[in-house]
Amino acid sequence: MIISKRAAFYVSFSAIILYWLYTFIFTAFKIPVLPDVLGELLLKIVITKIIFLIVIYTLLRLEGDGFEQLGFRKEGLFKQVLIGIGFGFATW
């Protein structure tokens, strides 16, 4: 299903606003607690990132685009992912 660029913008904007509201309501007034096991923390991070990728992919598909519109290419994809992971560790 492909929708217009304007409708895709409104869907994307709404998703961002809903996520911000969710984050503010459910996490702003709690003190974060680190799990006792590192595996639990890593699992939570991986699940969150998978959810984000699914949402991004869905929004791109609604507009008729793909990851190529975000700058990803099949050639050198592994290198791009490694560089992204490196930036993630550098800013952690």
PDB file of N, CA and C in Angstrom:
ATOM      1  N   MET A   1       0.841  -1.167   0.000  1.00  0.00           N
ATOM      2  CA  MET A   1       0.000   0.000   0.000  1.00  0.00           C
ATOM      3  C   MET A   1       0.893   1.240   0.000  1.00  0.00           C
ATOM      4  N   ILE A   2       0.697   2.111  -0.945  1.00  0.00           N
ATOM      5  CA  ILE A   2       1.463   3.347  -1.041  1.00  0.00           C
ATOM      6  C   ILE A   2       0.507   4.511  -0.802  1.00  0.00           C
ATOM      7  N   ILE A   3       0.927   5.432   0.054  1.00  0.00           N
ATOM      8  CA  ILE A   3       0.113   6.611   0.336  1.00  0.00           C
ATOM      9  C   ILE A   3       0.873   7.844  -0.142  1.00  0.00           C
ATOM     10  N   SER A   4       0.204   8.968  -0.159  1.00  0.00           N
ATOM     11  CA  SER A   4       0.833  10.196  -0.639  1.00  0.00           C
ATOM     12  C   SER A   4       1.940  10.641   0.319  1.00  0.00           C
ATOM     13  N   LYS A   5       2.823  11.473  -0.194  1.00  0.00           N
ATOM     14  CA  LYS A   5       3.937  11.981   0.614  1.00  0.00           C
ATOM     15  C   LYS A   5       3.413  12.758   1.828  1.00  0.00           C
ATOM     16  N   ARG A   6       2.365  13.535   1.630  1.00  0.00           N
ATOM     17  CA  ARG A   6       1.794  14.325   2.732  1.00  0.00           C
ATOM     18  C   ARG A   6       1.225  13.402   3.812  1.00  0.00           C
ATOM     19  N   ALA A   7       0.494  12.371   3.402  1.00  0.00           N
ATOM     20  CA  ALA A   7      -0.078  11.436   4.375  1.00  0.00           C
ATOM     21  C   ALA A   7       1.039  10.679   5.098  1.00  0.00           C
ATOM     22  N   ALA A   8       2.078  10.285   4.357  1.00  0.00           N
ATOM     23  CA  ALA A   8       3.210   9.589   4.975  1.00  0.00           C
ATOM     24  C   ALA A   8       3.904  10.492   5.989  1.00  0.00           C
ATOM     25  N   PHE A   9       4.007  11.780   5.661  1.00  0.00           N
ATOM     26  CA  PHE A   9       4.595  12.733   6.608  1.00  0.00           C
ATOM     27  C   PHE A   9       3.773  12.785   7.891  1.00  0.00           C
ATOM     28  N   TYR A  10       2.455  12.873   7.753  1.00  0.00           N
ATOM     29  CA  TYR A  10       1.600  12.950   8.940  1.00  0.00           C
ATOM     30  C   TYR A  10       1.661  11.662   9.769  1.00  0.00           C
ATOM     31  N   VAL A  11       1.736  10.528   9.104  1.00  0.00           N
ATOM     32  CA  VAL A  11       1.868   9.261   9.829  1.00  0.00           C
ATOM     33  C   VAL A  11       3.197   9.224  10.573  1.00  0.00           C
ATOM     34  N   SER A  12       4.279   9.622   9.904  1.00  0.00           N
ATOM     35  CA  SER A  12       5.600   9.638  10.533  1.00  0.00           C
ATOM     36  C   SER A  12       5.631  10.609  11.708  1.00  0.00           C
ATOM     37  N   PHE A  13       5.110  11.806  11.479  1.00  0.00           N
ATOM     38  CA  PHE A  13       5.087  12.823  12.525  1.00  0.00           C
ATOM     39  C   PHE A  13       4.286  12.340  13.727  1.00  0.00           C
ATOM     40  N   SER A  14       3.153  11.716  13.474  1.00  0.00           N
ATOM     41  CA  SER A  14       2.316  11.186  14.562  1.00  0.00           C
ATOM     42  C   SER A  14       3.045  10.092  15.339  1.00  0.00           C
ATOM     43  N   ALA A  15       3.761   9.226  14.622  1.00  0.00           N
ATOM     44  CA  ALA A  15       4.520   8.159  15.284  1.00  0.00           C
ATOM     45  C   ALA A  15       5.593   8.749  16.197  1.00  0.00           C
ATOM     46  N   ILE A  16       6.262   9.794  15.737  1.00  0.00           N
ATOM     47  CA  ILE A  16       7.299  10.434  16.551  1.00  0.00           C
ATOM     48  C   ILE A  16       6.689  11.080  17.792  1.00  0.00           C
ATOM     49  N   ILE A  17       5.601  11.810  17.612  1.00  0.00           N
ATOM     50  CA  ILE A  17       4.949  12.472  18.745  1.00  0.00           C
ATOM     51  C   ILE A  17       4.449  11.436  19.760  1.00  0.00           C
ATOM     52  N   LEU A  18       3.846  10.350  19.277  1.00  0.00           N
ATOM     53  CA  LEU A  18       3.363   9.307  20.187  1.00  0.00           C
ATOM     54  C   LEU A  18       4.511   8.678  20.966  1.00  0.00           C
ATOM     55  N   TYR A  19       5.634   8.447  20.287  1.00  0.00           N
ATOM     56  CA  TYR A  19       6.790   7.866  20.981  1.00  0.00           C
ATOM     57  C   TYR A  19       7.326   8.834  22.032  1.00  0.00           C
ATOM     58  N   TRP A  20       7.415  10.115  21.688  1.00  0.00           N
ATOM     59  CA  TRP A  20       7.871  11.098  22.675  1.00  0.00           C
ATOM     60  C   TRP A  20       6.938  11.148  23.869  1.00  0.00           C
ATOM     61  N   LEU A  21       5.637  11.136  23.632  1.00  0.00           N
ATOM     62  CA  LEU A  21       4.675  11.148  24.740  1.00  0.00           C
ATOM     63  C   LEU A  21       4.816   9.897  25.602  1.00  0.00           C
ATOM     64  N   TYR A  22       4.942   8.753  24.945  1.00  0.00           N
ATOM     65  CA  TYR A  22       5.133   7.497  25.686  1.00  0.00           C
ATOM     66  C   TYR A  22       6.384   7.583  26.552  1.00  0.00           C
ATOM     67  N   THR A  23       7.477   8.057  25.964  1.00  0.00           N
ATOM     68  CA  THR A  23       8.732   8.156  26.706  1.00  0.00           C
ATOM     69  C   THR A  23       8.585   9.116  27.878  1.00  0.00           C
ATOM     70  N   PHE A  24       7.969  10.254  27.657  1.00  0.00           N
ATOM     71  CA  PHE A  24       7.811  11.229  28.722  1.00  0.00           C
ATOM     72  C   PHE A  24       6.917  10.697  29.839  1.00  0.00           C
ATOM     73  N   ILE A  25       5.802  10.114  29.482  1.00  0.00           N
ATOM     74  CA  ILE A  25       4.835   9.663  30.488  1.00  0.00           C
ATOM     75  C   ILE A  25       5.377   8.498  31.306  1.00  0.00           C
ATOM     76  N   PHE A  26       6.012   7.530  30.633  1.00  0.00           N
ATOM     77  CA  PHE A  26       6.394   6.311  31.334  1.00  0.00           C
ATOM     78  C   PHE A  26       7.822   6.302  31.856  1.00  0.00           C
ATOM     79  N   THR A  27       8.662   7.228  31.419  1.00  0.00           N
ATOM     80  CA  THR A  27      10.051   7.178  31.884  1.00  0.00           C
ATOM     81  C   THR A  27      10.539   8.457  32.543  1.00  0.00           C
ATOM     82  N   ALA A  28       9.843   9.550  32.391  1.00  0.00           N
ATOM     83  CA  ALA A  28      10.347  10.821  32.898  1.00  0.00           C
ATOM     84  C   ALA A  28      10.376  10.875  34.425  1.00  0.00           C
ATOM     85  N   PHE A  29       9.496  10.176  35.071  1.00  0.00           N
ATOM     86  CA  PHE A  29       9.401  10.287  36.517  1.00  0.00           C
ATOM     87  C   PHE A  29       9.934   9.058  37.248  1.00  0.00           C
ATOM     88  N   LYS A  30      10.593   8.176  36.508  1.00  0.00           N
ATOM     89  CA  LYS A  30      11.173   6.980  37.130  1.00  0.00           C
ATOM     90  C   LYS A  30      12.693   7.100  37.137  1.00  0.00           C
ATOM     91  N   ILE A  31      13.292   6.572  38.174  1.00  0.00           N
ATOM     92  CA  ILE A  31      14.748   6.496  38.215  1.00  0.00           C
ATOM     93  C   ILE A  31      15.143   5.211  37.494  1.00  0.00           C
ATOM     94  N   PRO A  32      15.991   5.310  36.469  1.00  0.00           N
ATOM     95  CA  PRO A  32      16.359   4.104  35.728  1.00  0.00           C
ATOM     96  C   PRO A  32      17.124   3.122  36.611  1.00  0.00           C
ATOM     97  N   VAL A  33      16.826   1.860  36.443  1.00  0.00           N
ATOM     98  CA  VAL A  33      17.488   0.802  37.194  1.00  0.00           C
ATOM     99  C   VAL A  33      18.184  -0.119  36.197  1.00  0.00           C
ATOM    100  N   LEU A  34      19.470  -0.317  36.405  1.00  0.00           N
ATOM    101  CA  LEU A  34      20.203  -1.233  35.536  1.00  0.00           C
ATOM    102  C   LEU A  34      19.896  -2.669  35.937  1.00  0.00           C
ATOM    103  N   PRO A  35      19.722  -3.542  34.970  1.00  0.00           N
ATOM    104  CA  PRO A  35      19.480  -4.945  35.308  1.00  0.00           C
ATOM    105  C   PRO A  35      20.718  -5.581  35.933  1.00  0.00           C
ATOM    106  N   ASP A  36      20.495  -6.657  36.664  1.00  0.00           N
ATOM    107  CA  ASP A  36      21.597  -7.343  37.332  1.00  0.00           C
ATOM    108  C   ASP A  36      22.487  -8.083  36.338  1.00  0.00           C
ATOM    109  N   VAL A  37      21.895  -8.493  35.222  1.00  0.00           N
ATOM    110  CA  VAL A  37      22.633  -9.279  34.232  1.00  0.00           C
ATOM    111  C   VAL A  37      22.787  -8.437  32.970  1.00  0.00           C
ATOM    112  N   LEU A  38      23.995  -8.415  32.426  1.00  0.00           N
ATOM    113  CA  LEU A  38      24.259  -7.636  31.224  1.00  0.00           C
ATOM    114  C   LEU A  38      23.414  -8.125  30.052  1.00  0.00           C
ATOM    115  N   GLY A  39      23.148  -9.413  30.007  1.00  0.00           N
ATOM    116  CA  GLY A  39      22.349  -9.987  28.927  1.00  0.00           C
ATOM    117  C   GLY A  39      20.950  -9.379  28.849  1.00  0.00           C
ATOM    118  N   GLU A  40      20.364  -9.069  29.995  1.00  0.00           N
ATOM    119  CA  GLU A  40      19.034  -8.438  30.013  1.00  0.00           C
ATOM    120  C   GLU A  40      19.076  -7.057  29.375  1.00  0.00           C
ATOM    121  N   LEU A  41      20.117  -6.301  29.689  1.00  0.00           N
ATOM    122  CA  LEU A  41      20.274  -4.967  29.106  1.00  0.00           C
ATOM    123  C   LEU A  41      20.464  -5.056  27.596  1.00  0.00           C
ATOM    124  N   LEU A  42      21.328  -5.960  27.160  1.00  0.00           N
ATOM    125  CA  LEU A  42      21.574  -6.127  25.732  1.00  0.00           C
ATOM    126  C   LEU A  42      20.317  -6.591  25.002  1.00  0.00           C
ATOM    127  N   LEU A  43      19.564  -7.486  25.610  1.00  0.00           N
ATOM    128  CA  LEU A  43      18.330  -7.962  24.995  1.00  0.00           C
ATOM    129  C   LEU A  43      17.325  -6.823  24.835  1.00  0.00           C
ATOM    130  N   LYS A  44      17.213  -5.981  25.850  1.00  0.00           N
ATOM    131  CA  LYS A  44      16.297  -4.841  25.771  1.00  0.00           C
ATOM    132  C   LYS A  44      16.724  -3.886  24.654  1.00  0.00           C
ATOM    133  N   ILE A  45      18.019  -3.645  24.525  1.00  0.00           N
ATOM    134  CA  ILE A  45      18.527  -2.770  23.468  1.00  0.00           C
ATOM    135  C   ILE A  45      18.242  -3.363  22.099  1.00  0.00           C
ATOM    136  N   VAL A  46      18.499  -4.661  21.931  1.00  0.00           N
ATOM    137  CA  VAL A  46      18.275  -5.314  20.640  1.00  0.00           C
ATOM    138  C   VAL A  46      16.792  -5.277  20.268  1.00  0.00           C
ATOM    139  N   ILE A  47      15.919  -5.575  21.219  1.00  0.00           N
ATOM    140  CA  ILE A  47      14.472  -5.551  20.941  1.00  0.00           C
ATOM    141  C   ILE A  47      14.024  -4.146  20.549  1.00  0.00           C
ATOM    142  N   THR A  48      14.520  -3.133  21.257  1.00  0.00           N
ATOM    143  CA  THR A  48      14.169  -1.750  20.923  1.00  0.00           C
ATOM    144  C   THR A  48      14.617  -1.394  19.511  1.00  0.00           C
ATOM    145  N   LYS A  49      15.830  -1.766  19.154  1.00  0.00           N
ATOM    146  CA  LYS A  49      16.348  -1.450  17.817  1.00  0.00           C
ATOM    147  C   LYS A  49      15.576  -2.195  16.732  1.00  0.00           C
ATOM    148  N   ILE A  50      15.190  -3.424  16.991  1.00  0.00           N
ATOM    149  CA  ILE A  50      14.401  -4.188  16.006  1.00  0.00           C
ATOM    150  C   ILE A  50      13.044  -3.514  15.801  1.00  0.00           C
ATOM    151  N   ILE A  51      12.430  -3.056  16.882  1.00  0.00           N
ATOM    152  CA  ILE A  51      11.149  -2.360  16.766  1.00  0.00           C
ATOM    153  C   ILE A  51      11.317  -1.084  15.942  1.00  0.00           C
ATOM    154  N   PHE A  52      12.389  -0.321  16.203  1.00  0.00           N
ATOM    155  CA  PHE A  52      12.638   0.895  15.426  1.00  0.00           C
ATOM    156  C   PHE A  52      12.824   0.574  13.947  1.00  0.00           C
ATOM    157  N   LEU A  53      13.586  -0.480  13.630  1.00  0.00           N
ATOM    158  CA  LEU A  53      13.799  -0.856  12.230  1.00  0.00           C
ATOM    159  C   LEU A  53      12.496  -1.249  11.552  1.00  0.00           C
ATOM    160  N   ILE A  54      11.643  -1.965  12.262  1.00  0.00           N
ATOM    161  CA  ILE A  54      10.345  -2.357  11.700  1.00  0.00           C
ATOM    162  C   ILE A  54       9.486  -1.123  11.424  1.00  0.00           C
ATOM    163  N   VAL A  55       9.478  -0.181  12.363  1.00  0.00           N
ATOM    164  CA  VAL A  55       8.699   1.043  12.176  1.00  0.00           C
ATOM    165  C   VAL A  55       9.246   1.850  10.998  1.00  0.00           C
ATOM    166  N   ILE A  56      10.558   2.006  10.933  1.00  0.00           N
ATOM    167  CA  ILE A  56      11.169   2.752   9.822  1.00  0.00           C
ATOM    168  C   ILE A  56      10.862   2.074   8.500  1.00  0.00           C
ATOM    169  N   TYR A  57      11.012   0.752   8.449  1.00  0.00           N
ATOM    170  CA  TYR A  57      10.728   0.015   7.213  1.00  0.00           C
ATOM    171  C   TYR A  57       9.260   0.188   6.801  1.00  0.00           C
ATOM    172  N   THR A  58       8.353   0.091   7.771  1.00  0.00           N
ATOM    173  CA  THR A  58       6.927   0.251   7.481  1.00  0.00           C
ATOM    174  C   THR A  58       6.618   1.645   6.944  1.00  0.00           C
ATOM    175  N   LEU A  59       7.185   2.668   7.567  1.00  0.00           N
ATOM    176  CA  LEU A  59       6.951   4.033   7.102  1.00  0.00           C
ATOM    177  C   LEU A  59       7.540   4.247   5.706  1.00  0.00           C
ATOM    178  N   LEU A  60       8.710   3.677   5.443  1.00  0.00           N
ATOM    179  CA  LEU A  60       9.291   3.785   4.105  1.00  0.00           C
ATOM    180  C   LEU A  60       8.425   3.083   3.068  1.00  0.00           C
ATOM    181  N   ARG A  61       7.923   1.913   3.405  1.00  0.00           N
ATOM    182  CA  ARG A  61       7.083   1.159   2.464  1.00  0.00           C
ATOM    183  C   ARG A  61       5.762   1.884   2.204  1.00  0.00           C
ATOM    184  N   LEU A  62       5.203   2.530   3.227  1.00  0.00           N
ATOM    185  CA  LEU A  62       3.964   3.286   3.029  1.00  0.00           C
ATOM    186  C   LEU A  62       4.137   4.370   1.978  1.00  0.00           C
ATOM    187  N   GLU A  63       5.332   4.936   1.929  1.00  0.00           N
ATOM    188  CA  GLU A  63       5.597   6.004   0.984  1.00  0.00           C
ATOM    189  C   GLU A  63       6.121   5.467  -0.351  1.00  0.00           C
ATOM    190  N   GLY A  64       6.363   4.160  -0.415  1.00  0.00           N
ATOM    191  CA  GLY A  64       6.856   3.563  -1.648  1.00  0.00           C
ATOM    192  C   GLY A  64       8.363   3.636  -1.786  1.00  0.00           C
ATOM    193  N   ASP A  65       9.064   3.912  -0.703  1.00  0.00           N
ATOM    194  CA  ASP A  65      10.517   4.019  -0.726  1.00  0.00           C
ATOM    195  C   ASP A  65      11.140   2.791  -0.078  1.00  0.00           C
ATOM    196  N   GLY A  66      12.454   2.780  -0.049  1.00  0.00           N
ATOM    197  CA  GLY A  66      13.195   1.714   0.597  1.00  0.00           C
ATOM    198  C   GLY A  66      14.377   2.293   1.351  1.00  0.00           C
ATOM    199  N   PHE A  67      15.206   1.430   1.875  1.00  0.00           N
ATOM    200  CA  PHE A  67      16.371   1.881   2.623  1.00  0.00           C
ATOM    201  C   PHE A  67      17.372   2.611   1.734  1.00  0.00           C
ATOM    202  N   GLU A  68      17.254   2.426   0.421  1.00  0.00           N
ATOM    203  CA  GLU A  68      18.126   3.153  -0.497  1.00  0.00           C
ATOM    204  C   GLU A  68      17.924   4.658  -0.356  1.00  0.00           C
ATOM    205  N   GLN A  69      16.702   5.083  -0.042  1.00  0.00           N
ATOM    206  CA  GLN A  69      16.418   6.509   0.136  1.00  0.00           C
ATOM    207  C   GLN A  69      17.122   7.073   1.365  1.00  0.00           C
ATOM    208  N   LEU A  70      17.532   6.198   2.278  1.00  0.00           N
ATOM    209  CA  LEU A  70      18.256   6.634   3.475  1.00  0.00           C
ATOM    210  C   LEU A  70      19.764   6.583   3.280  1.00  0.00           C
ATOM    211  N   GLY A  71      20.202   6.183   2.084  1.00  0.00           N
ATOM    212  CA  GLY A  71      21.635   6.154   1.794  1.00  0.00           C
ATOM    213  C   GLY A  71      22.261   4.783   1.862  1.00  0.00           C
ATOM    214  N   PHE A  72      21.493   3.743   2.135  1.00  0.00           N
ATOM    215  CA  PHE A  72      22.033   2.391   2.187  1.00  0.00           C
ATOM    216  C   PHE A  72      22.079   1.801   0.780  1.00  0.00           C
ATOM    217  N   ARG A  73      23.152   1.131   0.467  1.00  0.00           N
ATOM    218  CA  ARG A  73      23.313   0.449  -0.810  1.00  0.00           C
ATOM    219  C   ARG A  73      23.690  -1.001  -0.545  1.00  0.00           C
ATOM    220  N   LYS A  74      23.325  -1.872  -1.466  1.00  0.00           N
ATOM    221  CA  LYS A  74      23.679  -3.282  -1.295  1.00  0.00           C
ATOM    222  C   LYS A  74      25.190  -3.484  -1.345  1.00  0.00           C
ATOM    223  N   GLU A  75      25.849  -2.680  -2.186  1.00  0.00           N
ATOM    224  CA  GLU A  75      27.302  -2.762  -2.245  1.00  0.00           C
ATOM    225  C   GLU A  75      27.872  -2.062  -1.009  1.00  0.00           C
ATOM    226  N   GLY A  76      28.686  -2.754  -0.261  1.00  0.00           N
ATOM    227  CA  GLY A  76      29.317  -2.160   0.910  1.00  0.00           C
ATOM    228  C   GLY A  76      28.411  -2.039   2.117  1.00  0.00           C
ATOM    229  N   LEU A  77      27.314  -2.794   2.133  1.00  0.00           N
ATOM    230  CA  LEU A  77      26.373  -2.703   3.255  1.00  0.00           C
ATOM    231  C   LEU A  77      27.030  -3.116   4.569  1.00  0.00           C
ATOM    232  N   PHE A  78      27.841  -4.168   4.518  1.00  0.00           N
ATOM    233  CA  PHE A  78      28.509  -4.645   5.732  1.00  0.00           C
ATOM    234  C   PHE A  78      29.402  -3.553   6.314  1.00  0.00           C
ATOM    235  N   LYS A  79      30.119  -2.843   5.440  1.00  0.00           N
ATOM    236  CA  LYS A  79      30.994  -1.754   5.885  1.00  0.00           C
ATOM    237  C   LYS A  79      30.158  -0.637   6.502  1.00  0.00           C
ATOM    238  N   GLN A  80      29.024  -0.316   5.891  1.00  0.00           N
ATOM    239  CA  GLN A  80      28.163   0.729   6.426  1.00  0.00           C
ATOM    240  C   GLN A  80      27.651   0.365   7.813  1.00  0.00           C
ATOM    241  N   VAL A  81      27.264  -0.895   7.984  1.00  0.00           N
ATOM    242  CA  VAL A  81      26.763  -1.347   9.289  1.00  0.00           C
ATOM    243  C   VAL A  81      27.876  -1.281  10.331  1.00  0.00           C
ATOM    244  N   LEU A  82      29.091  -1.712   9.973  1.00  0.00           N
ATOM    245  CA  LEU A  82      30.205  -1.658  10.920  1.00  0.00           C
ATOM    246  C   LEU A  82      30.544  -0.223  11.317  1.00  0.00           C
ATOM    247  N   ILE A  83      30.513   0.678  10.363  1.00  0.00           N
ATOM    248  CA  ILE A  83      30.770   2.087  10.679  1.00  0.00           C
ATOM    249  C   ILE A  83      29.682   2.614  11.621  1.00  0.00           C
ATOM    250  N   GLY A  84      28.426   2.256  11.368  1.00  0.00           N
ATOM    251  CA  GLY A  84      27.334   2.674  12.249  1.00  0.00           C
ATOM    252  C   GLY A  84      27.491   2.130  13.654  1.00  0.00           C
ATOM    253  N   ILE A  85      27.892   0.877  13.764  1.00  0.00           N
ATOM    254  CA  ILE A  85      28.133   0.284  15.087  1.00  0.00           C
ATOM    255  C   ILE A  85      29.286   1.004  15.777  1.00  0.00           C
ATOM    256  N   GLY A  86      30.316   1.329  15.008  1.00  0.00           N
ATOM    257  CA  GLY A  86      31.453   2.068  15.566  1.00  0.00           C
ATOM    258  C   GLY A  86      31.043   3.427  16.111  1.00  0.00           C
ATOM    259  N   PHE A  87      30.209   4.149  15.344  1.00  0.00           N
ATOM    260  CA  PHE A  87      29.709   5.440  15.835  1.00  0.00           C
ATOM    261  C   PHE A  87      28.857   5.246  17.087  1.00  0.00           C
ATOM    262  N   GLY A  88      28.094   4.158  17.117  1.00  0.00           N
ATOM    263  CA  GLY A  88      27.282   3.885  18.305  1.00  0.00           C
ATOM    264  C   GLY A  88      28.126   3.673  19.540  1.00  0.00           C
ATOM    265  N   PHE A  89      29.205   2.909  19.395  1.00  0.00           N
ATOM    266  CA  PHE A  89      30.101   2.692  20.543  1.00  0.00           C
ATOM    267  C   PHE A  89      30.846   3.964  20.915  1.00  0.00           C
ATOM    268  N   ALA A  90      31.202   4.764  19.913  1.00  0.00           N
ATOM    269  CA  ALA A  90      31.956   5.998  20.184  1.00  0.00           C
ATOM    270  C   ALA A  90      31.107   7.002  20.954  1.00  0.00           C
ATOM    271  N   THR A  91      29.801   7.017  20.715  1.00  0.00           N
ATOM    272  CA  THR A  91      28.936   7.984  21.391  1.00  0.00           C
ATOM    273  C   THR A  91      28.279   7.416  22.633  1.00  0.00           C
ATOM    274  N   TRP A  92      28.535   6.169  22.940  1.00  0.00           N
ATOM    275  CA  TRP A  92      27.929   5.513  24.087  1.00  0.00           C
ATOM    276  C   TRP A  92      28.548   6.070  25.302  1.00  0.00           C
TER     277      TRP A  92
END
